[in-house]
Amino acid sequence: FLNAKTVSMNDRVVIYAETSDIKRLMKYSKSKGFEVVNVFEKSARSDKSELFELTYYSHDNNIHKVLIPNCMTLFKNMSTFMLCLEELNEMGVSIYMLDENLESLSPDGNINPTFKTVFDILKDFEANNKRQIRDRLQKAYKSYIEAGGQVGRKAGFRKSIRQYRMDYSKDLTLLKEGLSLKKCRAITGTSINTLRK
């Protein structure tokens, strides 16, 4: 990898990392004289909203850099990160990956070609990973059915009218009041086909 650009003192940075990596990113920031303005803790469930929140925060608070521990930090949320990366680049906010010593923007503010290459490889890995998972699921589903497994509702299962009225009492009330199927669906979340029944 190319070395990341030398950063001026007092750059305002935010950290995006799991709890286990925050301490070393703080230590790195201190050694470089960065001002850590905020820390966004990456949750185990990889909540996409964290990345959007980080992007909005960077825009509103004159942030220069986002520090992350390594490229794998982005792997689970690659599609969301792609959107955020575009916005961050437009704002002139650089992503710095500590383990790879790699930054998204070059010293002149343009996209670092090495970072782009690494990022493109990660996107390909993610796409292949999703394809493999989908293929395995389809293969398992097919094998299950061929072995006599049954999916969906049991044959002959049907709710009684009384059960429908109990389960969808709110929907029935709204429909009797003259609300359209679309408005009723927006309020209750029940599908149009069920409302038609």
Protein backbone atom coordinates (compact mmCIF):
# COMPACT_ATOMS: atom_id res chain seq x y z
CA PHE A 1 0.00 0.00 0.00
CA LEU A 2 1.00 3.59 -0.50
CA ASN A 3 1.66 5.50 2.67
CA ALA A 4 -1.17 7.74 3.78
CA LYS A 5 -0.58 11.45 3.56
CA THR A 6 1.16 13.25 6.40
CA VAL A 7 -1.52 15.00 8.42
CA SER A 8 -1.25 18.45 9.87
CA MET A 9 -1.51 18.97 13.61
CA ASN A 10 -4.89 19.68 15.19
CA ASP A 11 -6.92 17.92 12.50
CA ARG A 12 -10.45 17.29 13.76
CA VAL A 13 -11.22 13.59 13.58
CA VAL A 14 -13.95 11.13 14.49
CA ILE A 15 -13.40 7.46 15.26
CA TYR A 16 -15.59 4.66 13.92
CA ALA A 17 -14.71 1.31 15.50
CA GLU A 18 -15.78 -1.53 17.73
CA THR A 19 -15.12 -1.14 21.46
CA SER A 20 -11.97 -3.30 21.29
CA ASP A 21 -10.31 -0.96 18.75
CA ILE A 22 -11.23 2.45 20.15
CA LYS A 23 -8.36 2.63 22.65
CA ARG A 24 -5.62 2.10 20.06
CA LEU A 25 -7.23 4.60 17.65
CA MET A 26 -7.33 7.14 20.50
CA LYS A 27 -3.64 6.43 21.20
CA TYR A 28 -2.79 6.86 17.51
CA SER A 29 -4.73 10.15 17.38
CA LYS A 30 -2.86 11.46 20.41
CA SER A 31 0.50 10.54 18.86
CA LYS A 32 -0.41 12.50 15.71
CA GLY A 33 -1.85 15.48 17.59
CA PHE A 34 -5.38 14.95 16.23
CA GLU A 35 -8.36 16.41 18.05
CA VAL A 36 -10.82 13.53 18.54
CA VAL A 37 -14.18 15.28 18.36
CA ASN A 38 -16.43 12.22 18.64
CA VAL A 39 -16.39 8.41 18.77
CA PHE A 40 -18.96 6.32 16.89
CA GLU A 41 -19.00 2.84 18.33
CA LYS A 42 -19.66 0.17 15.72
CA SER A 43 -22.29 -2.16 17.09
CA ALA A 44 -22.09 -5.94 16.72
CA ARG A 45 -25.25 -5.94 14.61
CA SER A 46 -23.65 -3.49 12.14
CA ASP A 47 -26.42 -0.93 12.23
CA LYS A 48 -26.41 1.03 8.97
CA SER A 49 -27.76 4.16 10.67
CA GLU A 50 -24.41 4.59 12.47
CA LEU A 51 -22.68 5.33 9.16
CA PHE A 52 -25.29 7.87 8.11
CA GLU A 53 -25.13 9.52 11.54
CA LEU A 54 -21.33 9.71 11.25
CA THR A 55 -21.60 11.30 7.79
CA TYR A 56 -24.10 13.95 8.94
CA TYR A 57 -22.00 14.66 12.01
CA SER A 58 -18.86 15.11 9.89
CA HIS A 59 -20.69 17.57 7.66
CA ASP A 60 -22.04 19.64 10.54
CA ASN A 61 -18.88 19.71 12.68
CA ASN A 62 -16.02 20.49 10.26
CA ILE A 63 -14.41 17.05 10.52
CA HIS A 64 -11.23 16.38 8.53
CA LYS A 65 -10.86 12.62 8.97
CA VAL A 66 -12.69 9.45 9.96
CA LEU A 67 -10.36 6.95 11.61
CA ILE A 68 -11.18 3.24 11.35
CA PRO A 69 -9.05 0.28 12.47
CA ASN A 70 -8.93 -1.61 9.14
CA CYS A 71 -10.73 -2.32 5.87
CA MET A 72 -12.75 -5.18 7.41
CA THR A 73 -14.62 -2.57 9.47
CA LEU A 74 -16.47 -1.68 6.27
CA PHE A 75 -17.09 -5.18 4.97
CA LYS A 76 -20.52 -5.93 6.49
CA ASN A 77 -21.98 -2.56 5.48
CA MET A 78 -20.29 -2.12 2.12
CA SER A 79 -23.32 -0.89 0.17
CA THR A 80 -24.18 1.69 2.84
CA PHE A 81 -20.57 2.72 3.19
CA MET A 82 -20.33 3.35 -0.56
CA LEU A 83 -23.04 6.02 -0.27
CA CYS A 84 -21.42 7.59 2.77
CA LEU A 85 -17.95 7.51 1.18
CA GLU A 86 -19.17 9.56 -1.80
CA GLU A 87 -20.59 12.22 0.52
CA LEU A 88 -17.48 12.27 2.71
CA ASN A 89 -15.24 12.63 -0.35
CA GLU A 90 -17.33 15.55 -1.61
CA MET A 91 -16.97 17.22 1.80
CA GLY A 92 -13.20 16.64 1.73
CA VAL A 93 -13.37 14.25 4.70
CA SER A 94 -10.83 11.45 4.37
CA ILE A 95 -11.18 7.89 5.68
CA TYR A 96 -7.99 6.59 7.29
CA MET A 97 -7.50 2.83 7.81
CA LEU A 98 -4.92 2.39 10.57
CA ASP A 99 -3.79 -1.20 9.98
CA GLU A 100 -3.34 -0.65 6.24
CA ASN A 101 -1.91 2.87 6.70
CA LEU A 102 -4.15 3.94 3.85
CA GLU A 103 -6.25 7.03 3.29
CA SER A 104 -9.15 7.64 0.91
CA LEU A 105 -8.02 11.10 -0.20
CA SER A 106 -4.57 12.07 -1.40
CA PRO A 107 -2.80 15.23 -0.10
CA ASP A 108 -4.29 17.31 -2.95
CA GLY A 109 -7.83 16.23 -1.98
CA ASN A 110 -8.35 13.80 -4.86
CA ILE A 111 -9.37 10.17 -4.44
CA ASN A 112 -6.36 8.01 -3.60
CA PRO A 113 -6.14 5.41 -6.43
CA THR A 114 -4.72 2.76 -4.06
CA PHE A 115 -7.65 3.20 -1.68
CA LYS A 116 -10.05 2.95 -4.62
CA THR A 117 -8.42 -0.33 -5.73
CA VAL A 118 -8.66 -1.82 -2.23
CA PHE A 119 -12.26 -0.65 -1.95
CA ASP A 120 -13.17 -2.19 -5.35
CA ILE A 121 -11.64 -5.52 -4.26
CA LEU A 122 -13.67 -5.41 -1.04
CA LYS A 123 -16.86 -4.76 -3.05
CA ASP A 124 -16.11 -7.80 -5.22
CA PHE A 125 -15.51 -9.94 -2.12
CA GLU A 126 -18.81 -8.80 -0.63
CA ALA A 127 -20.72 -9.53 -3.85
CA ASN A 128 -19.16 -13.01 -4.10
CA ASN A 129 -19.90 -13.68 -0.43
CA LYS A 130 -23.58 -12.77 -0.90
CA ARG A 131 -23.80 -14.92 -4.03
CA GLN A 132 -22.30 -17.93 -2.21
CA ILE A 133 -24.71 -17.54 0.72
CA ARG A 134 -27.69 -17.30 -1.67
CA ASP A 135 -26.51 -20.38 -3.61
CA ARG A 136 -26.06 -22.42 -0.42
CA LEU A 137 -29.53 -21.44 0.82
CA GLN A 138 -31.15 -22.36 -2.50
CA LYS A 139 -29.31 -25.70 -2.56
CA ALA A 140 -30.38 -26.49 1.03
CA TYR A 141 -33.98 -25.45 0.27
CA LYS A 142 -34.08 -27.68 -2.82
CA SER A 143 -32.58 -30.65 -0.93
CA TYR A 144 -35.09 -30.21 1.88
CA ILE A 145 -38.04 -30.28 -0.53
CA GLU A 146 -36.61 -33.27 -2.48
CA ALA A 147 -36.28 -35.15 0.83
CA GLY A 148 -40.00 -34.67 1.47
CA GLY A 149 -39.80 -31.51 3.55
CA GLN A 150 -42.76 -29.19 3.47
CA VAL A 151 -42.59 -25.40 3.37
CA GLY A 152 -45.33 -22.84 3.80
CA ARG A 153 -48.76 -23.51 5.27
CA LYS A 154 -49.93 -27.03 5.81
CA ALA A 155 -52.15 -28.38 3.03
CA GLY A 156 -55.78 -27.55 3.65
CA PHE A 157 -55.05 -24.90 6.27
CA ARG A 158 -57.50 -22.04 6.14
CA LYS A 159 -58.59 -19.49 8.74
CA SER A 160 -62.23 -19.39 9.63
CA ILE A 161 -64.22 -16.19 9.04
CA ARG A 162 -64.46 -15.79 12.81
CA GLN A 163 -60.65 -16.04 13.14
CA TYR A 164 -60.17 -13.44 10.37
CA ARG A 165 -62.53 -11.06 12.15
CA MET A 166 -60.63 -11.48 15.40
CA ASP A 167 -57.18 -11.12 13.83
CA TYR A 168 -58.09 -8.14 11.65
CA SER A 169 -60.67 -6.31 13.77
CA LYS A 170 -58.87 -2.96 13.44
CA ASP A 171 -58.67 -3.36 9.65
CA LEU A 172 -62.39 -4.19 9.44
CA THR A 173 -63.27 -1.11 11.50
CA LEU A 174 -61.22 1.15 9.22
CA LEU A 175 -62.68 -0.39 6.06
CA LYS A 176 -66.24 0.02 7.41
CA GLU A 177 -65.45 3.70 8.03
CA GLY A 178 -64.77 4.03 4.29
CA LEU A 179 -60.97 4.12 4.22
CA SER A 180 -59.34 2.88 1.02
CA LEU A 181 -57.28 -0.32 0.99
CA LYS A 182 -54.06 1.69 0.57
CA LYS A 183 -54.80 3.98 3.53
CA CYS A 184 -55.79 1.01 5.66
CA ARG A 185 -52.55 -0.78 4.74
CA ALA A 186 -50.54 2.34 5.63
CA ILE A 187 -52.12 2.44 9.08
CA THR A 188 -52.15 -1.25 10.02
CA GLY A 189 -49.44 -2.74 7.80
CA THR A 190 -51.76 -5.51 6.57
CA SER A 191 -51.21 -6.51 2.94
CA ILE A 192 -53.66 -5.40 0.25
CA ASN A 193 -54.50 -9.03 -0.66
CA THR A 194 -55.44 -9.85 2.95
CA LEU A 195 -57.57 -6.69 3.11
CA ARG A 196 -59.36 -7.74 -0.08
CA LYS A 197 -60.24 -11.10 1.50
